[in-house]
Amino acid sequence: MLTPHQFASVQPKCVLQSLPSLMVQGRPRDGLLPQHLKDCISITGGNASTSLLTSLTELVNYIANGHLPTDLRPFLYGAQLHWLCRSNGGLRPVAVGCTYRRLVAKVCLRPFIPRLRKLLLPSQVGVETPLGCEAAVHATCYFMDQPHNDKVLLKLDVKNAFNSIRRDTILQEAQKHLAEIYPFIWDCHS
């Protein structure tokens, strides 16, 4: 059995500050936006903000260690589908998850970003790299704009990669490389 992972109150506070303030995609199912929590913990001169931050930290530690009751998991780990309008008039589906789950996930993953970056680069260019995917697109465009006639760019999207991932393999790798937060990863899966 793994020792419970404990986060200090400074970690949820820092992570909460990094969550986007406004969600133009829509509201999560619970209606709670990151800005609501930011506003509550930024109240100055009171025990209320300290008490809320302490409670949030306890909640983060509780969920991160896999203690969330099974009956609550669909509500915390699910997402609501919203639609964004594309510039070409089409629609793009975006899943908006629960603010608490987003907070716990970011707090859990933050200490492991260097480890994840080593594991996933160069095949995954967007690993905690600001505008990493956009950089790959711009590099490809730059390559194609070069005055060479002997280049070919082949883009294959035979099937949706996200839906073809084997969860058992992902869970095995998570257990091997992220054992400290595996209880949370397992709960998100189930």
Foldseek 3Di string as FASTA:
>chain_A
DDDQDADDLVLLLVLLVVPDLDDPQDAWPVRDDSVVLNVQLPDPDDCRNVVVSVVLRVVLSCLLRQNDDLVCLCQQLPWDWGWDQDPVRDIDIDTHGDPSLSSSVCSLCVVCLVVVCVVCPPVDQVRVDVCRVVVVVVVVVVVVPDPDPPDDDDDDPPDDPVVVDDPVVVLVVCCVRVVNRSSNVVSSVD
